[in-house]
């Protein structure tokens, strides 16, 4: 605070009667320029490479999840075709192994050849199921997913998958047959060629 009148009694005597108050600004410590600005330390090449690998891993994981979701079409027809494909593939391997086992026995070469032909025919049938029927369903599902990217549609799909999982877990808990379950058809192959 500045002195107002130098001829005032309190300023002319040696022993001061009162005190002048200092301003609040002088009580604050002086801040250095840009004291609050923090700069990140320079990253080493090793840290940069580790960050790049982590970004690539996350991108790969995201791509993998998207591909996995496209290969798990949530329809009953797709699941039925996949079960049929596995059954045919296992039967083909069994016929081929049986053929090689019978080829060692003398006198059963013709039976061995028949089993080998049946095994190769089943392998071709499994390829037809995979590349023909299930691939078509996967492409339709991928187009449908690409077309429906809104949050509401994704939430509905998530809810449908959750219901499906709940039904499957309920079916596992109650193997005698859940209420409302339709009777099974004649066989796997009768439904396969249904149009």
C-alpha atoms as a PDB file:
ATOM      1  CA  UNK A   1       0.000   0.000   0.000  1.00  0.00           C
ATOM      2  CA  UNK A   2       1.355   3.368  -0.846  1.00  0.00           C
ATOM      3  CA  UNK A   3       1.926   6.200   1.578  1.00  0.00           C
ATOM      4  CA  UNK A   4      -0.733   8.843   1.151  1.00  0.00           C
ATOM      5  CA  UNK A   5       0.614  11.918   2.888  1.00  0.00           C
ATOM      6  CA  UNK A   6       4.277  12.138   3.726  1.00  0.00           C
ATOM      7  CA  UNK A   7       3.615  14.954   6.246  1.00  0.00           C
ATOM      8  CA  UNK A   8       1.254  12.811   8.262  1.00  0.00           C
ATOM      9  CA  UNK A   9       2.295  12.284  11.846  1.00  0.00           C
ATOM     10  CA  UNK A  10       2.582   8.517  11.588  1.00  0.00           C
ATOM     11  CA  UNK A  11       5.139   8.826   8.790  1.00  0.00           C
ATOM     12  CA  UNK A  12       7.252  11.582  10.343  1.00  0.00           C
ATOM     13  CA  UNK A  13       8.022  10.005  13.686  1.00  0.00           C
ATOM     14  CA  UNK A  14      10.595   7.316  14.110  1.00  0.00           C
ATOM     15  CA  UNK A  15       8.420   4.986  16.096  1.00  0.00           C
ATOM     16  CA  UNK A  16       5.501   4.042  13.918  1.00  0.00           C
ATOM     17  CA  UNK A  17       2.098   3.869  15.470  1.00  0.00           C
ATOM     18  CA  UNK A  18       0.394   1.615  12.986  1.00  0.00           C
ATOM     19  CA  UNK A  19       1.178  -0.912  10.303  1.00  0.00           C
ATOM     20  CA  UNK A  20       0.570  -0.749   6.599  1.00  0.00           C
ATOM     21  CA  UNK A  21      -0.835  -3.898   5.143  1.00  0.00           C
ATOM     22  CA  UNK A  22       0.975  -5.612   2.335  1.00  0.00           C
ATOM     23  CA  UNK A  23      -1.027  -6.657  -0.701  1.00  0.00           C
ATOM     24  CA  UNK A  24      -2.106 -10.268  -1.114  1.00  0.00           C
ATOM     25  CA  UNK A  25      -0.226 -10.516  -4.409  1.00  0.00           C
ATOM     26  CA  UNK A  26       3.115 -10.207  -2.679  1.00  0.00           C
ATOM     27  CA  UNK A  27       2.214 -13.139  -0.411  1.00  0.00           C
ATOM     28  CA  UNK A  28       1.854 -15.551  -3.353  1.00  0.00           C
ATOM     29  CA  UNK A  29       4.992 -17.327  -4.509  1.00  0.00           C
ATOM     30  CA  UNK A  30       6.116 -16.308  -7.938  1.00  0.00           C
ATOM     31  CA  UNK A  31       5.275 -19.005 -10.494  1.00  0.00           C
ATOM     32  CA  UNK A  32       7.815 -19.924 -13.084  1.00  0.00           C
ATOM     33  CA  UNK A  33       6.788 -19.533 -16.655  1.00  0.00           C
ATOM     34  CA  UNK A  34       5.069 -22.662 -18.089  1.00  0.00           C
ATOM     35  CA  UNK A  35       5.476 -24.435 -14.766  1.00  0.00           C
ATOM     36  CA  UNK A  36       2.156 -26.282 -15.220  1.00  0.00           C
ATOM     37  CA  UNK A  37       2.941 -27.466 -18.742  1.00  0.00           C
ATOM     38  CA  UNK A  38       4.150 -31.058 -18.723  1.00  0.00           C
ATOM     39  CA  UNK A  39       5.717 -32.726 -21.713  1.00  0.00           C
ATOM     40  CA  UNK A  40       5.814 -36.479 -22.028  1.00  0.00           C
ATOM     41  CA  UNK A  41       9.278 -37.970 -22.068  1.00  0.00           C
ATOM     42  CA  UNK A  42      10.547 -39.185 -25.404  1.00  0.00           C
ATOM     43  CA  UNK A  43       9.722 -42.838 -26.045  1.00  0.00           C
ATOM     44  CA  UNK A  44      12.425 -45.261 -26.928  1.00  0.00           C
ATOM     45  CA  UNK A  45      12.316 -47.368 -30.069  1.00  0.00           C
ATOM     46  CA  UNK A  46      11.541 -50.409 -27.955  1.00  0.00           C
ATOM     47  CA  UNK A  47       8.487 -48.721 -26.395  1.00  0.00           C
ATOM     48  CA  UNK A  48       7.282 -47.514 -29.796  1.00  0.00           C
ATOM     49  CA  UNK A  49       7.574 -51.044 -31.219  1.00  0.00           C
ATOM     50  CA  UNK A  50       5.704 -52.470 -28.223  1.00  0.00           C
ATOM     51  CA  UNK A  51       2.886 -49.954 -28.704  1.00  0.00           C
ATOM     52  CA  UNK A  52       2.710 -50.771 -32.429  1.00  0.00           C
ATOM     53  CA  UNK A  53       2.527 -54.508 -31.675  1.00  0.00           C
ATOM     54  CA  UNK A  54      -0.255 -53.876 -29.145  1.00  0.00           C
ATOM     55  CA  UNK A  55      -2.250 -51.837 -31.690  1.00  0.00           C
ATOM     56  CA  UNK A  56      -1.809 -54.586 -34.297  1.00  0.00           C
ATOM     57  CA  UNK A  57      -2.845 -57.257 -31.790  1.00  0.00           C
ATOM     58  CA  UNK A  58      -6.018 -55.356 -30.918  1.00  0.00           C
ATOM     59  CA  UNK A  59      -6.833 -54.841 -34.607  1.00  0.00           C
ATOM     60  CA  UNK A  60      -6.243 -58.556 -35.312  1.00  0.00           C
ATOM     61  CA  UNK A  61      -8.437 -59.513 -32.370  1.00  0.00           C
ATOM     62  CA  UNK A  62     -11.217 -57.238 -33.618  1.00  0.00           C
ATOM     63  CA  UNK A  63     -10.948 -58.726 -37.135  1.00  0.00           C
ATOM     64  CA  UNK A  64     -10.962 -62.243 -35.688  1.00  0.00           C
ATOM     65  CA  UNK A  65     -14.106 -61.523 -33.655  1.00  0.00           C
ATOM     66  CA  UNK A  66     -15.841 -60.125 -36.741  1.00  0.00           C
ATOM     67  CA  UNK A  67     -14.871 -63.179 -38.816  1.00  0.00           C
ATOM     68  CA  UNK A  68     -15.900 -65.551 -36.034  1.00  0.00           C
ATOM     69  CA  UNK A  69     -19.276 -63.873 -35.768  1.00  0.00           C
ATOM     70  CA  UNK A  70     -19.777 -64.149 -39.523  1.00  0.00           C
ATOM     71  CA  UNK A  71     -18.923 -67.861 -39.426  1.00  0.00           C
ATOM     72  CA  UNK A  72     -21.422 -68.510 -36.626  1.00  0.00           C
ATOM     73  CA  UNK A  73     -24.679 -67.818 -38.399  1.00  0.00           C
ATOM     74  CA  UNK A  74     -27.390 -67.839 -35.696  1.00  0.00           C
ATOM     75  CA  UNK A  75     -29.974 -69.881 -37.601  1.00  0.00           C
ATOM     76  CA  UNK A  76     -31.211 -73.402 -37.056  1.00  0.00           C
ATOM     77  CA  UNK A  77     -30.637 -74.340 -40.706  1.00  0.00           C
ATOM     78  CA  UNK A  78     -26.968 -73.356 -40.494  1.00  0.00           C
ATOM     79  CA  UNK A  79     -26.460 -75.378 -37.300  1.00  0.00           C
ATOM     80  CA  UNK A  80     -28.161 -78.373 -38.903  1.00  0.00           C
ATOM     81  CA  UNK A  81     -25.902 -78.119 -41.959  1.00  0.00           C
ATOM     82  CA  UNK A  82     -22.794 -77.898 -39.768  1.00  0.00           C
ATOM     83  CA  UNK A  83     -23.844 -80.977 -37.799  1.00  0.00           C
ATOM     84  CA  UNK A  84     -24.443 -82.836 -41.059  1.00  0.00           C
ATOM     85  CA  UNK A  85     -21.054 -81.715 -42.359  1.00  0.00           C
ATOM     86  CA  UNK A  86     -19.293 -83.035 -39.243  1.00  0.00           C
ATOM     87  CA  UNK A  87     -21.163 -86.343 -39.395  1.00  0.00           C
ATOM     88  CA  UNK A  88     -20.310 -86.834 -43.083  1.00  0.00           C
ATOM     89  CA  UNK A  89     -16.685 -85.867 -42.508  1.00  0.00           C
ATOM     90  CA  UNK A  90     -16.252 -88.291 -39.587  1.00  0.00           C
ATOM     91  CA  UNK A  91     -17.929 -91.059 -41.607  1.00  0.00           C
ATOM     92  CA  UNK A  92     -15.575 -90.359 -44.531  1.00  0.00           C
ATOM     93  CA  UNK A  93     -12.505 -90.606 -42.304  1.00  0.00           C
ATOM     94  CA  UNK A  94     -13.838 -93.808 -40.722  1.00  0.00           C
ATOM     95  CA  UNK A  95     -14.472 -95.389 -44.148  1.00  0.00           C
ATOM     96  CA  UNK A  96     -11.000 -94.431 -45.356  1.00  0.00           C
ATOM     97  CA  UNK A  97      -9.287 -95.823 -42.245  1.00  0.00           C
ATOM     98  CA  UNK A  98     -11.371 -99.005 -42.470  1.00  0.00           C
ATOM     99  CA  UNK A  99     -10.398 -99.345 -46.128  1.00  0.00           C
ATOM    100  CA  UNK A 100      -6.698 -99.166 -45.302  1.00  0.00           C
ATOM    101  CA  UNK A 101      -7.155-101.643 -42.456  1.00  0.00           C
ATOM    102  CA  UNK A 102      -8.962-104.107 -44.750  1.00  0.00           C
ATOM    103  CA  UNK A 103      -6.347-103.765 -47.493  1.00  0.00           C
ATOM    104  CA  UNK A 104      -3.869-105.593 -45.225  1.00  0.00           C
ATOM    105  CA  UNK A 105      -6.167-108.624 -45.031  1.00  0.00           C
ATOM    106  CA  UNK A 106      -5.857-110.955 -48.018  1.00  0.00           C
ATOM    107  CA  UNK A 107      -9.070-111.700 -49.909  1.00  0.00           C
ATOM    108  CA  UNK A 108     -10.804-108.427 -48.850  1.00  0.00           C
ATOM    109  CA  UNK A 109      -9.228-106.112 -51.430  1.00  0.00           C
ATOM    110  CA  UNK A 110     -12.552-105.511 -53.201  1.00  0.00           C
ATOM    111  CA  UNK A 111     -14.310-104.635 -49.923  1.00  0.00           C
ATOM    112  CA  UNK A 112     -11.394-102.340 -49.100  1.00  0.00           C
ATOM    113  CA  UNK A 113     -11.746-100.630 -52.472  1.00  0.00           C
ATOM    114  CA  UNK A 114     -15.501-100.186 -51.947  1.00  0.00           C
ATOM    115  CA  UNK A 115     -14.915 -98.580 -48.539  1.00  0.00           C
ATOM    116  CA  UNK A 116     -12.264 -96.313 -50.051  1.00  0.00           C
ATOM    117  CA  UNK A 117     -14.626 -95.180 -52.834  1.00  0.00           C
ATOM    118  CA  UNK A 118     -17.421 -94.582 -50.288  1.00  0.00           C
ATOM    119  CA  UNK A 119     -14.994 -92.604 -48.084  1.00  0.00           C
ATOM    120  CA  UNK A 120     -13.906 -90.391 -50.967  1.00  0.00           C
ATOM    121  CA  UNK A 121     -17.537 -89.896 -52.017  1.00  0.00           C
ATOM    122  CA  UNK A 122     -18.379 -88.783 -48.477  1.00  0.00           C
ATOM    123  CA  UNK A 123     -15.442 -86.357 -48.520  1.00  0.00           C
ATOM    124  CA  UNK A 124     -16.749 -84.866 -51.766  1.00  0.00           C
ATOM    125  CA  UNK A 125     -20.241 -84.650 -50.241  1.00  0.00           C
ATOM    126  CA  UNK A 126     -18.800 -82.828 -47.181  1.00  0.00           C
ATOM    127  CA  UNK A 127     -17.069 -80.363 -49.515  1.00  0.00           C
ATOM    128  CA  UNK A 128     -20.368 -79.816 -51.347  1.00  0.00           C
ATOM    129  CA  UNK A 129     -22.132 -79.073 -48.054  1.00  0.00           C
ATOM    130  CA  UNK A 130     -19.407 -76.697 -46.922  1.00  0.00           C
ATOM    131  CA  UNK A 131     -18.780 -74.813 -50.158  1.00  0.00           C
ATOM    132  CA  UNK A 132     -22.307 -74.987 -51.488  1.00  0.00           C
ATOM    133  CA  UNK A 133     -24.918 -74.708 -48.800  1.00  0.00           C
ATOM    134  CA  UNK A 134     -23.210 -73.265 -45.715  1.00  0.00           C
ATOM    135  CA  UNK A 135     -21.186 -70.762 -47.714  1.00  0.00           C
ATOM    136  CA  UNK A 136     -24.387 -69.386 -49.219  1.00  0.00           C
ATOM    137  CA  UNK A 137     -25.880 -68.954 -45.753  1.00  0.00           C
ATOM    138  CA  UNK A 138     -22.719 -67.244 -44.486  1.00  0.00           C
ATOM    139  CA  UNK A 139     -22.739 -64.806 -47.419  1.00  0.00           C
ATOM    140  CA  UNK A 140     -26.397 -63.981 -46.823  1.00  0.00           C
ATOM    141  CA  UNK A 141     -25.726 -63.415 -43.128  1.00  0.00           C
ATOM    142  CA  UNK A 142     -22.654 -61.241 -43.855  1.00  0.00           C
ATOM    143  CA  UNK A 143     -24.700 -59.112 -46.258  1.00  0.00           C
ATOM    144  CA  UNK A 144     -27.452 -58.821 -43.680  1.00  0.00           C
ATOM    145  CA  UNK A 145     -24.979 -57.786 -40.954  1.00  0.00           C
ATOM    146  CA  UNK A 146     -23.322 -55.242 -43.260  1.00  0.00           C
ATOM    147  CA  UNK A 147     -26.723 -53.799 -44.100  1.00  0.00           C
ATOM    148  CA  UNK A 148     -27.861 -53.621 -40.457  1.00  0.00           C
ATOM    149  CA  UNK A 149     -25.235 -51.648 -38.550  1.00  0.00           C
ATOM    150  CA  UNK A 150     -27.575 -49.536 -36.413  1.00  0.00           C
ATOM    151  CA  UNK A 151     -27.412 -49.801 -32.623  1.00  0.00           C
ATOM    152  CA  UNK A 152     -31.005 -50.978 -32.373  1.00  0.00           C
ATOM    153  CA  UNK A 153     -30.437 -53.853 -34.807  1.00  0.00           C
ATOM    154  CA  UNK A 154     -27.244 -54.905 -33.039  1.00  0.00           C
ATOM    155  CA  UNK A 155     -29.015 -54.810 -29.685  1.00  0.00           C
ATOM    156  CA  UNK A 156     -31.801 -56.986 -31.113  1.00  0.00           C
ATOM    157  CA  UNK A 157     -29.248 -59.470 -32.487  1.00  0.00           C
ATOM    158  CA  UNK A 158     -27.496 -59.572 -29.125  1.00  0.00           C
ATOM    159  CA  UNK A 159     -30.806 -60.200 -27.363  1.00  0.00           C
ATOM    160  CA  UNK A 160     -31.677 -62.994 -29.826  1.00  0.00           C
ATOM    161  CA  UNK A 161     -28.303 -64.679 -29.251  1.00  0.00           C
ATOM    162  CA  UNK A 162     -28.791 -64.438 -25.485  1.00  0.00           C
ATOM    163  CA  UNK A 163     -32.235 -66.059 -25.804  1.00  0.00           C
ATOM    164  CA  UNK A 164     -30.751 -68.812 -27.970  1.00  0.00           C
ATOM    165  CA  UNK A 165     -28.041 -69.504 -25.385  1.00  0.00           C
ATOM    166  CA  UNK A 166     -30.684 -69.587 -22.639  1.00  0.00           C
ATOM    167  CA  UNK A 167     -32.747 -72.101 -24.631  1.00  0.00           C
ATOM    168  CA  UNK A 168     -29.678 -74.261 -25.258  1.00  0.00           C
ATOM    169  CA  UNK A 169     -28.721 -74.243 -21.583  1.00  0.00           C
ATOM    170  CA  UNK A 170     -32.312 -75.100 -20.650  1.00  0.00           C
ATOM    171  CA  UNK A 171     -32.263 -77.984 -23.122  1.00  0.00           C
ATOM    172  CA  UNK A 172     -29.028 -79.262 -21.557  1.00  0.00           C
ATOM    173  CA  UNK A 173     -30.567 -79.127 -18.094  1.00  0.00           C
ATOM    174  CA  UNK A 174     -33.744 -80.909 -19.225  1.00  0.00           C
ATOM    175  CA  UNK A 175     -32.644 -83.590 -21.730  1.00  0.00           C
ATOM    176  CA  UNK A 176     -36.024 -85.442 -21.764  1.00  0.00           C
ATOM    177  CA  UNK A 177     -37.415 -82.802 -24.096  1.00  0.00           C
ATOM    178  CA  UNK A 178     -38.498 -79.278 -23.496  1.00  0.00           C
ATOM    179  CA  UNK A 179     -42.116 -78.232 -23.869  1.00  0.00           C
ATOM    180  CA  UNK A 180     -42.952 -77.048 -27.347  1.00  0.00           C
ATOM    181  CA  UNK A 181     -40.148 -78.997 -28.981  1.00  0.00           C
ATOM    182  CA  UNK A 182     -41.135 -80.319 -32.388  1.00  0.00           C
ATOM    183  CA  UNK A 183     -40.660 -84.016 -33.173  1.00  0.00           C
ATOM    184  CA  UNK A 184     -37.591 -84.973 -35.155  1.00  0.00           C
ATOM    185  CA  UNK A 185     -37.893 -85.739 -38.863  1.00  0.00           C
ATOM    186  CA  UNK A 186     -36.894 -88.859 -40.720  1.00  0.00           C
ATOM    187  CA  UNK A 187     -33.217 -88.085 -40.752  1.00  0.00           C
ATOM    188  CA  UNK A 188     -30.452 -85.650 -41.405  1.00  0.00           C
ATOM    189  CA  UNK A 189     -30.343 -86.210 -45.147  1.00  0.00           C
ATOM    190  CA  UNK A 190     -34.092 -85.733 -45.664  1.00  0.00           C
ATOM    191  CA  UNK A 191     -33.859 -82.143 -44.407  1.00  0.00           C
ATOM    192  CA  UNK A 192     -30.649 -81.448 -46.281  1.00  0.00           C
ATOM    193  CA  UNK A 193     -32.189 -81.547 -49.733  1.00  0.00           C
ATOM    194  CA  UNK A 194     -35.460 -79.861 -48.763  1.00  0.00           C
ATOM    195  CA  UNK A 195     -36.238 -76.921 -51.053  1.00  0.00           C
END
